[in-house]
Amino acid sequence: MNTAPTVLIAPGLLVLSALLGCGGKSAEAARPPPAAQAPASAPSAVTLREEAAARNPVGTERVRKTRLASDVEIVGSVTFHPNHHAVVGPLVPGRVARLRASPGDPVKAGQVLAEIESAEVGAAEAEYIGAAARSDAAEVNAKRERELSQQRISSARDREVAEAEATATRAQRRAAEERLRALGFRDSDIEALRKGLTTGGRLPLRTPIDGTVVTRSVTLGQAVERATDAFEIIELSRLWVNLDLYEKDLARVQPGQRVQVRTESFPEVLDARVEYIHPLIDPTTRTAAVRLEVDNSARKLRPGQFVTARILGEPALATLETLAVPRKAVLTIEGRPVVFVRTDGGFERRMVELGPSGGELVAVRQGLSEGEQVATDGAFLLKSELQR
């Protein structure tokens, strides 16, 4: 009987064969299927749905070359406007008899802040009352002498003496009246004195401006001297911002230029104007003092506060042309500046390299060509649609 030949395989070869078989299967299993590969990058073109486009149409502007003056950004400090700041105090020595305002109180021009009791005020009132009485009597006597002179009952000399007396007493009355005004009396107060209504030697301290009482340096019953600073009032609707502009930036700033003021306290941007540029350069800092006037009706700024001021570039001061787009056309996606460029199929996302900004425009160094249209109003909707 024939028997099939026996083939002997060394144990090492069997192990090697098994390892090779297993290795092949493992490599094949480790290879990722096509679906598991990294996804493709997000599309760069986007269109808005009809409903969204109808509600918020996207505005566009052409990329153009223009003379762009770069902005100047400086840190400054807020101070009060001198025309809206007042320090009120008595003009005579006396005692604080009454207080009518405290720090933080809003006040109106002419409002009484305090009353000062003063012997000098009492003496001035008495002087005026006496002068007014003598003047009235002299006027009556002069009138009577004129009538008697016309009837040839009195002599011309008597008439002349009476008229001279009336003139002298009238001057004394006017002097006494001016003294009261210098002490702080108003026309209504003087009219009350004519009717015999005295203040009892009390002088009212009145604020000359609308504003807020920020300090009160006197207390009830305190003895005060002439020109004591009793109250400080500040009207905060108009404030100044002081800047130190470096010499190298002077050519880019002029009076009337627009400025955007920001603070760490509020996210809003406040508009201001360059009001004054000091004609001298500080020899130590090599800077010129610049003053801004800010409308602070919303009470966002306070004197003593630090702010960041961006002086917007004035195109008339620029010398070189550059490609530029509106500031609102530039968005940030993944930390990089992006604009949306209009194409036949919608809007294409375009990464750009920006240059300096000037006013409402931003220079573009790379990424755009002159004449292309970029999204401005509604650009943030395209960004939202892209990131859906």
Protein backbone atom coordinates (compact mmCIF):
# COMPACT_ATOMS: atom_id res chain seq x y z
CA MET A 1 0.00 0.00 0.00
CA ASN A 2 1.30 3.37 -1.02
CA THR A 3 1.46 5.94 1.71
CA ALA A 4 1.54 9.70 1.21
CA PRO A 5 4.91 11.17 1.97
CA THR A 6 5.28 12.80 5.33
CA VAL A 7 6.55 16.38 5.37
CA LEU A 8 8.30 17.52 8.48
CA ILE A 9 8.18 21.25 9.30
CA ALA A 10 10.35 22.68 11.91
CA PRO A 11 8.48 24.16 14.88
CA GLY A 12 10.13 27.55 14.30
CA LEU A 13 8.68 27.77 10.82
CA LEU A 14 5.19 26.99 12.11
CA VAL A 15 5.44 29.80 14.63
CA LEU A 16 6.75 32.22 11.98
CA SER A 17 3.88 31.31 9.63
CA ALA A 18 1.33 31.88 12.35
CA LEU A 19 2.87 35.21 13.25
CA LEU A 20 2.87 36.34 9.65
CA GLY A 21 -0.79 35.38 9.23
CA CYS A 22 -1.80 37.23 12.37
CA GLY A 23 0.30 40.23 11.43
CA GLY A 24 -1.36 40.58 8.07
CA LYS A 25 -4.79 40.52 9.62
CA SER A 26 -3.83 43.08 12.27
CA ALA A 27 -2.44 45.56 9.72
CA GLU A 28 -5.52 45.17 7.59
CA ALA A 29 -7.80 45.68 10.56
CA ALA A 30 -5.82 48.78 11.71
CA ARG A 31 -6.23 50.54 8.37
CA PRO A 32 -9.07 53.09 8.91
CA PRO A 33 -12.05 52.85 6.62
CA PRO A 34 -12.69 55.76 4.30
CA ALA A 35 -15.47 57.08 6.56
CA ALA A 36 -13.11 57.39 9.53
CA GLN A 37 -10.67 59.74 7.79
CA ALA A 38 -10.41 63.43 8.85
CA PRO A 39 -13.29 65.48 7.53
CA ALA A 40 -12.71 68.07 4.85
CA SER A 41 -12.31 71.72 5.89
CA ALA A 42 -15.40 73.86 6.27
CA PRO A 43 -16.67 75.51 3.09
CA SER A 44 -15.52 79.09 2.48
CA ALA A 45 -18.67 80.22 0.61
CA VAL A 46 -21.98 80.94 2.31
CA THR A 47 -25.42 82.19 1.35
CA LEU A 48 -28.27 83.39 3.52
CA ARG A 49 -31.64 81.75 3.51
CA GLU A 50 -34.33 83.77 1.72
CA GLU A 51 -36.20 84.61 4.94
CA ALA A 52 -33.05 85.88 6.68
CA ALA A 53 -31.91 87.81 3.60
CA ALA A 54 -35.31 89.49 3.32
CA ARG A 55 -35.29 90.56 6.96
CA ASN A 56 -31.64 91.64 7.06
CA PRO A 57 -30.29 92.40 3.58
CA VAL A 58 -26.51 92.34 3.37
CA GLY A 59 -24.95 95.62 2.29
CA THR A 60 -21.70 95.69 0.32
CA GLU A 61 -18.98 98.18 -0.55
CA ARG A 62 -16.20 98.02 -3.09
CA VAL A 63 -12.59 97.59 -2.09
CA ARG A 64 -10.90 100.79 -3.17
CA LYS A 65 -7.66 102.66 -2.98
CA THR A 66 -7.76 105.73 -0.79
CA ARG A 67 -5.55 108.04 1.17
CA LEU A 68 -5.67 106.54 4.64
CA ALA A 69 -4.34 108.34 7.70
CA SER A 70 -3.76 105.93 10.55
CA ASP A 71 -5.46 106.39 13.91
CA VAL A 72 -3.57 107.51 17.00
CA GLU A 73 -4.38 105.71 20.26
CA ILE A 74 -3.42 107.30 23.59
CA VAL A 75 -4.27 106.85 27.25
CA GLY A 76 -5.69 109.98 28.88
CA SER A 77 -7.37 111.22 32.03
CA VAL A 78 -10.77 112.83 32.62
CA THR A 79 -11.14 116.20 34.30
CA PHE A 80 -14.00 118.64 34.84
CA HIS A 81 -14.82 121.43 32.41
CA PRO A 82 -13.86 124.77 34.07
CA ASN A 83 -17.02 126.41 32.74
CA HIS A 84 -19.08 123.72 34.50
CA HIS A 85 -17.31 123.84 37.86
CA ALA A 86 -17.94 126.20 40.77
CA VAL A 87 -16.61 126.74 44.29
CA VAL A 88 -19.03 128.62 46.57
CA GLY A 89 -18.16 130.35 49.84
CA PRO A 90 -19.12 133.38 51.94
CA LEU A 91 -17.73 136.83 51.14
CA VAL A 92 -18.07 137.95 54.78
CA PRO A 93 -17.01 136.39 58.09
CA GLY A 94 -19.83 134.80 60.07
CA ARG A 95 -21.37 131.59 61.36
CA VAL A 96 -23.11 128.79 59.45
CA ALA A 97 -26.73 129.18 60.57
CA ARG A 98 -28.36 126.71 58.19
CA LEU A 99 -27.34 124.01 55.69
CA ARG A 100 -29.58 123.17 52.76
CA ALA A 101 -27.40 120.89 50.57
CA SER A 102 -25.19 117.87 51.10
CA PRO A 103 -22.64 116.04 48.90
CA GLY A 104 -24.41 114.16 46.14
CA ASP A 105 -27.40 116.49 45.96
CA PRO A 106 -28.36 117.77 42.49
CA VAL A 107 -28.79 121.55 42.51
CA LYS A 108 -30.06 124.22 40.13
CA ALA A 109 -28.50 127.61 39.46
CA GLY A 110 -29.62 130.10 42.13
CA GLN A 111 -30.51 127.42 44.68
CA VAL A 112 -29.56 128.23 48.30
CA LEU A 113 -26.89 125.89 49.67
CA ALA A 114 -26.48 127.45 53.12
CA GLU A 115 -27.17 130.59 55.18
CA ILE A 116 -24.39 132.53 56.91
CA GLU A 117 -25.24 134.71 59.89
CA SER A 118 -23.03 137.80 59.81
CA ALA A 119 -22.92 141.16 61.60
CA GLU A 120 -21.43 142.66 58.46
CA VAL A 121 -24.49 141.62 56.48
CA GLY A 122 -26.76 143.21 59.09
CA ALA A 123 -24.77 146.43 58.91
CA ALA A 124 -24.95 146.45 55.07
CA GLU A 125 -28.72 145.96 55.17
CA ALA A 126 -29.13 148.80 57.69
CA GLU A 127 -26.92 151.05 55.58
CA TYR A 128 -29.03 150.36 52.51
CA ILE A 129 -32.33 150.93 54.31
CA GLY A 130 -31.06 154.26 55.66
CA ALA A 131 -29.68 155.35 52.30
CA ALA A 132 -32.93 154.42 50.57
CA ALA A 133 -34.96 156.41 53.09
CA ARG A 134 -32.76 159.51 52.75
CA SER A 135 -32.87 159.22 48.97
CA ASP A 136 -36.65 158.98 48.92
CA ALA A 137 -36.97 162.02 51.19
CA ALA A 138 -34.51 164.03 49.11
CA GLU A 139 -36.40 163.17 45.92
CA VAL A 140 -39.68 164.35 47.43
CA ASN A 141 -38.04 167.58 48.66
CA ALA A 142 -36.44 168.26 45.26
CA LYS A 143 -39.78 167.77 43.53
CA ARG A 144 -41.49 170.17 45.93
CA GLU A 145 -38.79 172.82 45.49
CA ARG A 146 -39.09 172.59 41.70
CA GLU A 147 -42.84 173.21 41.93
CA LEU A 148 -42.37 176.13 44.35
CA SER A 149 -39.67 177.59 42.12
CA GLN A 150 -42.01 177.47 39.11
CA GLN A 151 -44.65 179.34 41.18
CA ARG A 152 -41.96 181.84 42.26
CA ILE A 153 -42.65 181.00 45.88
CA SER A 154 -39.17 179.52 46.45
CA SER A 155 -35.84 180.81 45.20
CA ALA A 156 -33.77 179.18 42.49
CA ARG A 157 -31.01 178.57 45.05
CA ASP A 158 -33.32 176.50 47.26
CA ARG A 159 -34.28 174.43 44.22
CA GLU A 160 -30.63 173.85 43.31
CA VAL A 161 -29.72 172.81 46.86
CA ALA A 162 -32.64 170.37 46.98
CA GLU A 163 -31.68 168.81 43.62
CA ALA A 164 -28.05 168.47 44.71
CA GLU A 165 -29.15 166.73 47.90
CA ALA A 166 -31.33 164.33 45.89
CA THR A 167 -28.40 163.51 43.60
CA ALA A 168 -26.05 162.86 46.53
CA THR A 169 -28.49 160.62 48.41
CA ARG A 170 -29.29 158.75 45.19
CA ALA A 171 -25.57 157.97 44.81
CA GLN A 172 -25.36 156.81 48.42
CA ARG A 173 -28.32 154.53 47.87
CA ARG A 174 -26.75 153.07 44.73
CA ALA A 175 -23.47 152.46 46.57
CA ALA A 176 -25.28 150.65 49.39
CA GLU A 177 -27.15 148.58 46.82
CA GLU A 178 -23.95 147.57 45.00
CA ARG A 179 -22.41 146.53 48.31
CA LEU A 180 -25.32 144.17 48.91
CA ARG A 181 -24.90 142.71 45.42
CA ALA A 182 -21.20 142.19 46.08
CA LEU A 183 -22.15 140.18 49.18
CA GLY A 184 -24.43 137.94 47.11
CA PHE A 185 -27.85 139.65 47.30
CA ARG A 186 -30.07 139.39 44.25
CA ASP A 187 -32.50 141.98 42.88
CA SER A 188 -35.39 140.18 44.58
CA ASP A 189 -33.57 140.31 47.93
CA ILE A 190 -32.95 144.05 47.55
CA GLU A 191 -36.57 144.63 46.56
CA ALA A 192 -37.62 142.86 49.77
CA LEU A 193 -35.39 145.22 51.76
CA ARG A 194 -37.11 148.21 50.14
CA LYS A 195 -40.35 146.85 51.55
CA GLY A 196 -38.78 146.50 55.00
CA LEU A 197 -38.27 142.69 54.90
CA THR A 198 -34.76 142.14 56.26
CA THR A 199 -32.88 138.84 56.39
CA GLY A 200 -31.83 139.32 59.99
CA GLY A 201 -28.19 139.52 58.99
CA ARG A 202 -28.22 136.19 57.15
CA LEU A 203 -26.43 135.79 53.84
CA PRO A 204 -27.69 133.05 51.46
CA LEU A 205 -25.01 131.07 49.63
CA ARG A 206 -26.30 130.20 46.15
CA THR A 207 -24.89 127.97 43.45
CA PRO A 208 -24.15 129.83 40.20
CA ILE A 209 -24.56 126.70 38.01
CA ASP A 210 -26.63 123.55 37.67
CA GLY A 211 -24.77 120.48 38.85
CA THR A 212 -24.05 118.12 41.71
CA VAL A 213 -22.60 119.00 45.11
CA VAL A 214 -19.37 116.99 45.31
CA THR A 215 -17.87 118.43 48.50
CA ARG A 216 -19.14 120.38 51.53
CA SER A 217 -16.41 121.73 53.80
CA VAL A 218 -18.53 123.41 56.50
CA THR A 219 -20.75 122.18 59.33
CA LEU A 220 -23.68 123.71 61.17
CA GLY A 221 -22.59 126.40 63.63
CA GLN A 222 -19.06 126.60 62.23
CA ALA A 223 -17.38 130.01 62.19
CA VAL A 224 -16.19 130.85 58.68
CA GLU A 225 -13.97 133.55 57.29
CA ARG A 226 -14.28 135.56 54.11
CA ALA A 227 -13.72 133.42 50.94
CA THR A 228 -13.95 130.08 52.76
CA ASP A 229 -14.49 127.28 50.20
CA ALA A 230 -17.74 125.87 51.55
CA PHE A 231 -19.20 123.94 48.60
CA GLU A 232 -17.88 122.51 45.32
CA ILE A 233 -20.34 121.94 42.48
CA ILE A 234 -19.58 120.12 39.22
CA GLU A 235 -21.85 119.83 36.20
CA LEU A 236 -20.92 116.47 34.63
CA SER A 237 -22.69 116.72 31.25
CA ARG A 238 -19.55 118.24 29.64
CA LEU A 239 -16.09 116.99 30.59
CA TRP A 240 -12.53 117.34 29.35
CA VAL A 241 -10.08 114.53 28.54
CA ASN A 242 -6.40 115.45 28.70
CA LEU A 243 -3.91 113.61 26.46
CA ASP A 244 -0.15 113.77 25.96
CA LEU A 245 0.52 113.47 22.23
CA TYR A 246 4.01 112.43 21.13
CA GLU A 247 5.87 114.78 18.84
CA LYS A 248 6.00 112.21 16.03
CA ASP A 249 2.16 112.08 15.90
CA LEU A 250 1.53 115.84 15.83
CA ALA A 251 1.25 115.96 12.04
CA ARG A 252 -1.68 113.49 12.18
CA VAL A 253 -3.84 115.44 14.62
CA GLN A 254 -5.67 118.74 14.24
CA PRO A 255 -8.45 120.59 16.13
CA GLY A 256 -11.94 119.34 15.34
CA GLN A 257 -10.80 115.77 14.62
CA ARG A 258 -13.11 112.96 15.75
CA VAL A 259 -12.09 110.84 18.72
CA GLN A 260 -13.52 107.64 20.21
CA VAL A 261 -13.20 107.37 23.99
CA ARG A 262 -13.39 104.03 25.81
CA THR A 263 -13.24 103.06 29.48
CA GLU A 264 -12.82 99.80 31.34
CA SER A 265 -16.06 100.49 33.23
CA PHE A 266 -18.45 100.62 30.26
CA PRO A 267 -18.35 98.92 26.84
CA GLU A 268 -19.92 101.90 25.06
CA VAL A 269 -17.81 104.17 22.87
CA LEU A 270 -18.16 107.89 23.55
CA ASP A 271 -17.67 110.41 20.76
CA ALA A 272 -15.45 113.43 21.30
CA ARG A 273 -13.57 116.12 19.37
CA VAL A 274 -10.06 117.50 19.57
CA GLU A 275 -10.68 120.94 21.04
CA TYR A 276 -7.17 122.26 21.68
CA ILE A 277 -3.54 121.36 20.96
CA HIS A 278 -0.98 123.14 23.11
CA PRO A 279 1.51 125.06 20.94
CA LEU A 280 4.53 124.09 23.09
CA ILE A 281 6.33 120.75 23.44
CA ASP A 282 7.19 119.55 26.93
CA PRO A 283 11.02 119.32 26.89
CA THR A 284 11.02 116.38 29.32
CA THR A 285 8.37 114.10 27.83
CA ARG A 286 8.58 115.39 24.23
CA THR A 287 4.78 115.54 24.14
CA ALA A 288 2.18 118.22 23.48
CA ALA A 289 -0.92 118.53 25.64
CA VAL A 290 -4.15 117.77 23.76
CA ARG A 291 -7.60 118.49 25.15
CA LEU A 292 -10.82 116.75 24.16
CA GLU A 293 -14.35 117.84 25.00
CA VAL A 294 -16.77 114.97 25.67
CA ASP A 295 -20.55 114.96 25.86
CA ASN A 296 -21.12 113.10 29.12
CA SER A 297 -24.92 113.35 29.26
CA ALA A 298 -25.12 109.60 29.93
CA ARG A 299 -22.78 110.00 32.95
CA LYS A 300 -20.35 107.33 31.74
CA LEU A 301 -17.23 109.32 32.68
CA ARG A 302 -16.04 110.72 35.98
CA PRO A 303 -13.28 113.25 36.70
CA GLY A 304 -10.04 111.49 37.62
CA GLN A 305 -10.82 108.42 35.50
CA PHE A 306 -8.35 106.96 32.98
CA VAL A 307 -9.59 106.35 29.43
CA THR A 308 -8.30 105.14 26.08
CA ALA A 309 -8.73 107.67 23.29
CA ARG A 310 -8.54 106.71 19.60
CA ILE A 311 -8.00 109.80 17.45
CA LEU A 312 -9.51 108.79 14.12
CA GLY A 313 -7.27 109.39 11.14
CA GLU A 314 -8.11 112.37 8.97
CA PRO A 315 -7.90 111.52 5.22
CA ALA A 316 -6.83 115.08 4.43
CA LEU A 317 -3.64 114.47 6.42
CA ALA A 318 -2.71 111.25 4.57
CA THR A 319 -0.04 111.15 1.87
CA LEU A 320 0.00 107.54 0.50
CA GLU A 321 -2.79 105.53 -1.11
CA THR A 322 -3.63 102.00 0.04
CA LEU A 323 -6.39 99.41 -0.38
CA ALA A 324 -8.98 99.82 2.35
CA VAL A 325 -12.32 98.40 3.49
CA PRO A 326 -14.85 99.67 6.06
CA ARG A 327 -14.01 98.66 9.62
CA LYS A 328 -17.40 96.94 10.02
CA ALA A 329 -16.60 94.58 7.11
CA VAL A 330 -13.82 92.88 9.09
CA LEU A 331 -14.79 89.98 11.38
CA THR A 332 -12.73 87.53 13.41
CA ILE A 333 -13.00 83.78 12.85
CA GLU A 334 -10.70 81.40 14.71
CA GLY A 335 -8.59 84.34 15.78
CA ARG A 336 -7.93 85.60 12.24
CA PRO A 337 -9.38 88.65 10.41
CA VAL A 338 -11.90 87.66 7.75
CA VAL A 339 -14.08 89.44 5.20
CA PHE A 340 -16.89 88.07 3.06
CA VAL A 341 -16.46 88.78 -0.67
CA ARG A 342 -19.47 88.72 -2.99
CA THR A 343 -19.32 86.04 -5.71
CA ASP A 344 -21.80 84.68 -8.27
CA GLY A 345 -22.84 81.98 -5.79
CA GLY A 346 -23.11 84.11 -2.66
CA PHE A 347 -20.30 85.26 -0.38
CA GLU A 348 -16.83 83.79 -0.09
CA ARG A 349 -14.95 83.83 3.18
CA ARG A 350 -11.54 85.44 2.67
CA MET A 351 -8.67 85.60 5.13
CA VAL A 352 -6.94 89.00 4.98
CA GLU A 353 -3.88 90.70 6.38
CA LEU A 354 -4.74 94.10 7.79
CA GLY A 355 -2.71 97.28 8.00
CA PRO A 356 -3.30 100.40 10.09
CA SER A 357 -6.80 101.71 10.60
CA GLY A 358 -7.89 105.26 9.88
CA GLY A 359 -11.31 106.58 10.84
CA GLU A 360 -13.95 104.13 9.63
CA LEU A 361 -11.55 102.38 7.22
CA VAL A 362 -8.92 99.66 7.66
CA ALA A 363 -5.98 99.12 5.31
CA VAL A 364 -5.69 95.66 3.69
CA ARG A 365 -2.19 94.42 2.84
CA GLN A 366 -3.13 91.00 1.40
CA GLY A 367 -6.23 88.99 0.52
CA LEU A 368 -8.27 91.42 -1.56
CA SER A 369 -8.13 93.13 -4.93
CA GLU A 370 -9.35 96.55 -5.91
CA GLY A 371 -12.97 96.54 -7.09
CA GLU A 372 -14.11 93.43 -5.20
CA GLN A 373 -17.26 93.85 -3.13
CA VAL A 374 -17.17 93.01 0.57
CA ALA A 375 -20.12 92.57 2.95
CA THR A 376 -20.58 95.43 5.45
CA ASP A 377 -24.05 95.68 6.98
CA GLY A 378 -25.17 92.17 7.89
CA ALA A 379 -21.70 90.62 7.66
CA PHE A 380 -22.16 89.12 11.11
CA LEU A 381 -25.17 87.16 9.74
CA LEU A 382 -22.89 85.53 7.18
CA LYS A 383 -20.48 84.60 9.94
CA SER A 384 -23.32 83.07 11.97
CA GLU A 385 -24.54 81.11 8.91
CA LEU A 386 -21.02 79.84 8.22
CA GLN A 387 -20.66 78.55 11.76
CA ARG A 388 -24.04 76.78 11.87
